Amino acid sequence: MDNYKVSVIVPVYNAEEYIGATLDSIINQDFNSYEIIVVDDGSTDQSPEIISEKLTKSTADYRIIRQDNAGVSSARNRGMEDATGEYLVFIDADDYVTGNHLSELYNGQTDFSMVQFIKKENDKLSTPHRFTTESITCDEFIKKELRMEMPFNFWQLMYKASIIKENSIRFNPNLIYGEDIDFALRALLYGDEVAISNEATYYYIQHSQSAIKTSEYRRFEVIEIFENLAEFYRSQGRDDLARLIVTSRIPKAIFGNMNYFFYNDYDFDEVLSKMKEMDLLDKLSKFEGDNKFKSKIRLFLLSPKIYYKTWKKLKNSID
């Protein structure tokens, strides 16, 4: 088949423990007219053998692309270059989807569509978010994300391929953390509508080797990503979205990542030193929004050490 409704892109690097189950979940879809594009990003474990065995024994249409290790963004970009589907779907090599993942996403009409996800960490499962509407404009979707009013990951979306290709939207290979949200928020600017399903069909697996857990202070690099995104929005005449990044998304990202470091017992002085080095305290002060969150920021800026000690006591009492 030359033309598919959906291209499923799976970047893989040393995922021998997970890739078999991931591919099984993609192969066993209750949906026709889709291709699986696996990009092996220079794996040195048994991933290539597992990929070949799983796909050659299946009846699915697939392509396996092998490249020297260049990172997940490069692998996804390579997959997009070879994709022939009307829509694009991304699935990470250590996650899996339910059998109705593609059928819940595909409608053939809207520029984007979204399903819900469940985060799985050991035996713990998160509760998926629920929407009260079946669709939302792309503009309002972006604003909700920038105000952090909903949990969102880029692989929840199905993307119309023509929007991605005609506007030359790519994953930034220079980014380790936040490249996915950057991609999604750029793509959404060019669309009209996001169809929404409340079905939770994507299982996001968190484990000790997840990039999010090994990036250390690089988590703060997401601030620069959002600053660049704000410049992009300004260049597109969307000063309102750029302002929302500065007054909402960046301060919330700073505060959330700071608390992540505190929660994981990073040294207080080291965290604060890094924040000062990156001028994050001033950026944190620019928050405009609900008074409760604003009060937390004010307390922290007034006395970071007192805030930290109080936060630590409250955390320990809950634990």
Protein backbone atom coordinates (compact mmCIF):
# COMPACT_ATOMS: atom_id res chain seq x y z
CA MET A 1 0.00 0.00 0.00
CA ASP A 2 1.46 3.36 -1.07
CA ASN A 3 -0.80 5.72 0.85
CA TYR A 4 -1.68 5.18 4.47
CA LYS A 5 -4.05 6.97 6.78
CA VAL A 6 -1.48 6.92 9.59
CA SER A 7 2.27 6.59 9.96
CA VAL A 8 3.39 5.41 13.40
CA ILE A 9 6.93 6.55 14.18
CA VAL A 10 8.94 4.70 16.84
CA PRO A 11 12.45 5.91 17.70
CA VAL A 12 14.55 3.20 19.37
CA TYR A 13 17.86 3.28 21.21
CA ASN A 14 18.93 0.35 23.41
CA ALA A 15 15.38 -0.57 24.40
CA GLU A 16 15.68 -4.38 24.34
CA GLU A 17 13.75 -4.69 27.59
CA TYR A 18 10.68 -2.87 26.27
CA ILE A 19 10.59 -2.70 22.47
CA GLY A 20 9.03 -6.14 22.00
CA ALA A 21 5.94 -5.26 24.03
CA THR A 22 5.78 -1.83 22.40
CA LEU A 23 5.76 -3.29 18.90
CA ASP A 24 3.22 -5.97 19.89
CA SER A 25 0.84 -3.22 21.01
CA ILE A 26 1.27 -1.34 17.71
CA ILE A 27 0.93 -4.44 15.54
CA ASN A 28 -2.30 -5.48 17.25
CA GLN A 29 -4.42 -2.44 16.37
CA ASP A 30 -8.10 -2.64 15.41
CA PHE A 31 -7.35 -0.19 12.59
CA ASN A 32 -6.35 -0.63 8.98
CA SER A 33 -4.25 1.53 6.67
CA TYR A 34 -1.26 2.31 8.81
CA GLU A 35 2.48 1.82 8.54
CA ILE A 36 5.01 1.32 11.31
CA ILE A 37 8.28 3.19 10.88
CA VAL A 38 10.94 2.10 13.37
CA VAL A 39 14.10 4.19 13.47
CA ASP A 40 16.92 2.36 15.22
CA ASP A 41 19.20 5.12 16.46
CA GLY A 42 22.41 3.10 16.62
CA SER A 43 21.37 0.57 19.28
CA THR A 44 24.18 -1.58 20.68
CA ASP A 45 21.98 -4.09 22.53
CA GLN A 46 19.55 -6.68 21.15
CA SER A 47 16.98 -4.11 20.02
CA PRO A 48 17.69 -4.54 16.26
CA GLU A 49 17.18 -8.30 16.44
CA ILE A 50 13.97 -7.98 18.44
CA ILE A 51 12.63 -5.36 16.04
CA SER A 52 13.36 -7.51 13.00
CA GLU A 53 11.85 -10.63 14.56
CA LYS A 54 8.66 -8.91 15.71
CA LEU A 55 7.97 -7.09 12.47
CA THR A 56 8.93 -9.81 9.99
CA LYS A 57 6.61 -12.27 11.73
CA SER A 58 3.70 -9.81 11.71
CA THR A 59 1.30 -8.91 8.93
CA ALA A 60 1.81 -5.19 9.54
CA ASP A 61 3.24 -2.86 6.91
CA TYR A 62 6.53 -1.60 8.24
CA ARG A 63 9.90 -0.08 7.53
CA ILE A 64 13.04 -0.34 9.62
CA ILE A 65 15.50 2.50 9.32
CA ARG A 66 18.94 2.25 10.88
CA GLN A 67 21.17 5.24 11.57
CA ASP A 68 24.21 6.08 13.65
CA ASN A 69 23.34 7.30 17.11
CA ALA A 70 22.18 10.92 16.80
CA GLY A 71 19.51 11.22 19.48
CA VAL A 72 15.75 10.80 19.71
CA SER A 73 14.96 14.07 17.90
CA SER A 74 17.05 13.06 14.91
CA ALA A 75 15.40 9.63 14.89
CA ARG A 76 11.89 11.13 14.93
CA ASN A 77 12.82 13.58 12.17
CA ARG A 78 14.13 10.73 10.04
CA GLY A 79 10.90 8.84 10.59
CA MET A 80 8.87 11.86 9.48
CA GLU A 81 10.95 12.20 6.32
CA ASP A 82 10.04 8.66 5.28
CA ALA A 83 6.42 8.76 6.43
CA THR A 84 3.72 8.56 3.77
CA GLY A 85 0.67 8.66 6.04
CA GLU A 86 -1.98 11.36 6.06
CA TYR A 87 -1.41 11.66 9.82
CA LEU A 88 1.56 11.09 12.11
CA VAL A 89 1.61 9.33 15.48
CA PHE A 90 4.62 9.00 17.78
CA ILE A 91 5.15 6.17 20.26
CA ASP A 92 8.25 5.89 22.41
CA ALA A 93 10.13 2.59 22.49
CA ASP A 94 9.49 1.93 26.18
CA ASP A 95 5.76 2.75 26.18
CA TYR A 96 2.77 0.84 24.84
CA VAL A 97 -0.73 1.51 23.54
CA THR A 98 -4.07 -0.25 23.71
CA GLY A 99 -5.52 -1.96 20.63
CA ASN A 100 -7.85 0.95 19.85
CA HIS A 101 -5.19 3.67 20.03
CA LEU A 102 -5.23 4.55 16.33
CA SER A 103 -8.97 4.12 15.88
CA GLU A 104 -9.61 6.51 18.78
CA LEU A 105 -7.24 9.07 17.28
CA TYR A 106 -8.15 8.93 13.61
CA ASN A 107 -11.16 10.82 12.24
CA GLY A 108 -9.78 12.03 8.91
CA GLN A 109 -11.21 15.52 9.42
CA THR A 110 -9.50 17.56 12.13
CA ASP A 111 -5.88 18.73 11.96
CA PHE A 112 -5.13 17.15 15.32
CA SER A 113 -6.76 14.64 17.65
CA MET A 114 -5.92 13.60 21.16
CA VAL A 115 -6.37 10.65 23.52
CA GLN A 116 -5.60 10.45 27.23
CA PHE A 117 -2.69 8.64 28.85
CA ILE A 118 -1.90 6.68 31.98
CA LYS A 119 1.47 6.99 33.67
CA LYS A 120 2.73 3.66 34.93
CA GLU A 121 5.51 3.57 37.50
CA ASN A 122 6.07 0.08 38.87
CA ASP A 123 2.56 -0.95 40.01
CA LYS A 124 1.25 2.60 40.32
CA LEU A 125 -1.15 3.89 37.68
CA SER A 126 -2.15 7.52 37.34
CA THR A 127 -5.74 8.66 36.78
CA PRO A 128 -6.25 9.96 33.24
CA HIS A 129 -7.51 13.49 32.67
CA ARG A 130 -11.08 13.92 31.46
CA PHE A 131 -12.38 16.67 29.18
CA THR A 132 -15.95 17.93 29.11
CA THR A 133 -15.83 18.68 25.39
CA GLU A 134 -15.27 16.60 22.27
CA SER A 135 -13.16 19.22 20.53
CA ILE A 136 -11.23 22.42 21.17
CA THR A 137 -9.66 25.02 18.92
CA CYS A 138 -5.90 24.74 18.54
CA ASP A 139 -5.61 28.29 19.84
CA GLU A 140 -7.40 27.48 23.08
CA PHE A 141 -5.47 24.23 23.39
CA ILE A 142 -2.17 26.14 23.27
CA LYS A 143 -3.42 28.61 25.88
CA LYS A 144 -4.52 25.81 28.20
CA GLU A 145 -1.11 24.20 27.92
CA LEU A 146 0.70 27.48 28.54
CA ARG A 147 -1.46 28.07 31.61
CA MET A 148 -0.78 24.42 32.59
CA GLU A 149 -4.48 23.74 33.01
CA MET A 150 -4.22 20.17 31.74
CA PRO A 151 -1.67 17.36 31.72
CA PHE A 152 -0.23 17.03 28.23
CA ASN A 153 2.47 15.09 26.39
CA PHE A 154 3.18 15.42 22.69
CA TRP A 155 2.57 11.71 21.97
CA GLN A 156 -1.09 12.09 22.96
CA LEU A 157 -1.68 13.83 19.64
CA MET A 158 -2.19 12.67 16.09
CA TYR A 159 -0.71 15.28 13.73
CA LYS A 160 -1.83 16.05 10.19
CA ALA A 161 1.28 15.34 8.15
CA SER A 162 0.75 18.18 5.69
CA ILE A 163 0.88 20.75 8.52
CA ILE A 164 4.19 19.34 9.72
CA LYS A 165 5.77 19.12 6.27
CA GLU A 166 4.48 22.36 4.74
CA ASN A 167 5.65 24.39 7.73
CA SER A 168 8.98 22.54 8.11
CA ILE A 169 8.30 21.65 11.75
CA ARG A 170 11.01 19.43 13.19
CA PHE A 171 12.28 18.22 16.53
CA ASN A 172 15.33 20.19 17.62
CA PRO A 173 18.24 17.69 17.80
CA ASN A 174 20.19 20.04 20.08
CA LEU A 175 17.65 19.63 22.88
CA ILE A 176 17.66 16.81 25.43
CA TYR A 177 14.75 17.96 27.56
CA GLY A 178 11.58 19.62 26.24
CA GLU A 179 12.09 18.98 22.53
CA ASP A 180 8.72 17.25 22.34
CA ILE A 181 6.57 20.03 23.84
CA ASP A 182 8.41 22.53 21.64
CA PHE A 183 7.47 20.48 18.57
CA ALA A 184 3.82 20.16 19.58
CA LEU A 185 3.30 23.83 20.47
CA ARG A 186 4.80 24.96 17.17
CA ALA A 187 2.71 22.51 15.16
CA LEU A 188 -0.55 23.41 16.90
CA LEU A 189 -0.20 27.06 15.88
CA TYR A 190 -0.92 26.06 12.26
CA GLY A 191 -4.05 24.02 12.97
CA ASP A 192 -7.73 24.80 13.52
CA GLU A 193 -9.15 22.11 15.77
CA VAL A 194 -8.18 19.27 18.10
CA ALA A 195 -10.67 16.40 18.41
CA ILE A 196 -10.67 14.96 21.93
CA SER A 197 -11.26 11.41 23.12
CA ASN A 198 -11.41 10.63 26.83
CA GLU A 199 -10.21 7.10 26.15
CA ALA A 200 -6.86 6.42 27.85
CA THR A 201 -5.02 4.45 25.16
CA TYR A 202 -1.38 5.41 25.78
CA TYR A 203 0.63 3.97 28.66
CA TYR A 204 3.62 6.10 29.56
CA ILE A 205 6.16 3.99 31.42
CA GLN A 206 8.43 5.72 33.91
CA HIS A 207 11.55 3.85 34.98
CA SER A 208 15.00 4.60 36.31
CA GLN A 209 16.52 5.04 32.86
CA SER A 210 13.98 7.59 31.63
CA ALA A 211 15.67 10.68 30.20
CA ILE A 212 13.52 12.80 32.50
CA LYS A 213 15.21 11.18 35.50
CA THR A 214 18.79 11.41 34.25
CA SER A 215 18.84 14.95 32.89
CA GLU A 216 19.65 16.54 36.28
CA TYR A 217 19.80 20.34 36.06
CA ARG A 218 19.19 20.20 32.32
CA ARG A 219 15.52 20.23 33.26
CA PHE A 220 15.94 23.98 33.69
CA GLU A 221 16.90 24.21 30.01
CA VAL A 222 13.18 24.06 29.22
CA ILE A 223 13.11 27.75 30.19
CA GLU A 224 15.27 28.67 27.21
CA ILE A 225 13.08 26.47 25.02
CA PHE A 226 10.01 28.44 26.06
CA GLU A 227 11.82 31.74 25.55
CA ASN A 228 12.64 30.67 21.99
CA LEU A 229 9.04 29.55 21.54
CA ALA A 230 7.89 33.00 22.68
CA GLU A 231 10.10 34.57 19.99
CA PHE A 232 8.58 32.20 17.45
CA TYR A 233 5.06 33.23 18.44
CA ARG A 234 6.01 36.92 18.21
CA SER A 235 7.36 36.31 14.71
CA GLN A 236 3.95 34.87 13.81
CA GLY A 237 2.12 37.91 15.17
CA ARG A 238 0.98 36.15 18.34
CA ASP A 239 2.21 38.50 21.05
CA ASP A 240 -0.60 37.24 23.30
CA LEU A 241 0.84 33.73 23.34
CA ALA A 242 4.37 35.05 23.83
CA ARG A 243 3.20 37.05 26.85
CA LEU A 244 1.44 33.98 28.26
CA ILE A 245 4.71 32.09 28.10
CA VAL A 246 6.55 34.80 30.03
CA THR A 247 3.85 35.39 32.65
CA SER A 248 2.61 31.83 33.15
CA ARG A 249 4.42 28.93 31.50
CA ILE A 250 7.99 29.93 32.33
CA PRO A 251 7.36 30.76 36.02
CA LYS A 252 5.40 27.53 36.48
CA ALA A 253 8.13 25.52 34.77
CA ILE A 254 10.77 27.10 37.01
CA PHE A 255 8.80 26.46 40.19
CA GLY A 256 7.81 22.94 39.22
CA ASN A 257 11.36 21.89 38.33
CA MET A 258 12.73 23.54 41.45
CA ASN A 259 10.34 21.52 43.61
CA TYR A 260 11.28 18.40 41.63
CA PHE A 261 14.90 18.90 42.69
CA PHE A 262 13.92 19.55 46.29
CA TYR A 263 11.67 16.49 46.34
CA ASN A 264 14.53 14.34 45.04
CA ASP A 265 16.87 15.65 47.76
CA TYR A 266 19.10 17.84 45.65
CA ASP A 267 21.25 20.21 47.71
CA PHE A 268 19.36 23.46 48.40
CA ASP A 269 22.37 25.74 47.93
CA GLU A 270 23.27 24.02 44.68
CA VAL A 271 19.73 24.40 43.30
CA LEU A 272 19.54 28.06 44.31
CA SER A 273 22.98 28.76 42.86
CA LYS A 274 21.91 27.22 39.54
CA MET A 275 18.72 29.29 39.54
CA LYS A 276 20.69 32.51 40.14
CA GLU A 277 23.19 31.57 37.45
CA MET A 278 20.33 31.23 34.95
CA ASP A 279 18.54 34.37 36.19
CA LEU A 280 15.50 32.27 37.07
CA LEU A 281 14.51 34.26 40.17
CA ASP A 282 13.71 37.34 38.09
CA LYS A 283 11.82 35.24 35.55
CA LEU A 284 9.90 33.59 38.38
CA SER A 285 8.78 36.99 39.64
CA LYS A 286 6.99 37.77 36.37
CA PHE A 287 4.14 35.36 37.12
CA GLU A 288 0.64 36.72 36.58
CA GLY A 289 -2.17 34.42 37.52
CA ASP A 290 -4.04 32.88 40.42
CA ASN A 291 -3.29 34.37 43.81
CA LYS A 292 -2.53 31.05 45.52
CA PHE A 293 0.36 30.24 43.22
CA LYS A 294 1.49 33.86 43.24
CA SER A 295 1.67 33.74 47.04
CA LYS A 296 3.92 30.66 46.92
CA ILE A 297 6.28 32.45 44.55
CA ARG A 298 6.34 35.55 46.74
CA LEU A 299 7.14 33.50 49.83
CA PHE A 300 9.97 31.76 48.06
CA LEU A 301 11.45 34.98 46.63
CA LEU A 302 11.15 36.69 50.03
CA SER A 303 13.22 33.98 51.73
CA PRO A 304 14.20 30.92 49.68
CA LYS A 305 15.77 29.19 52.71
CA ILE A 306 12.69 29.58 54.91
CA TYR A 307 10.46 28.41 52.08
CA TYR A 308 12.66 25.35 51.58
CA LYS A 309 12.70 24.43 55.27
CA THR A 310 8.92 24.84 55.54
CA TRP A 311 8.41 22.81 52.36
CA LYS A 312 10.70 20.07 53.70
CA LYS A 313 8.76 19.83 56.98
CA LEU A 314 5.45 19.55 55.15
CA LYS A 315 6.86 16.92 52.76
CA ASN A 316 8.23 14.84 55.64
CA SER A 317 4.93 15.01 57.51
CA ILE A 318 3.11 13.68 54.44
CA ASP A 319 5.70 10.94 53.79
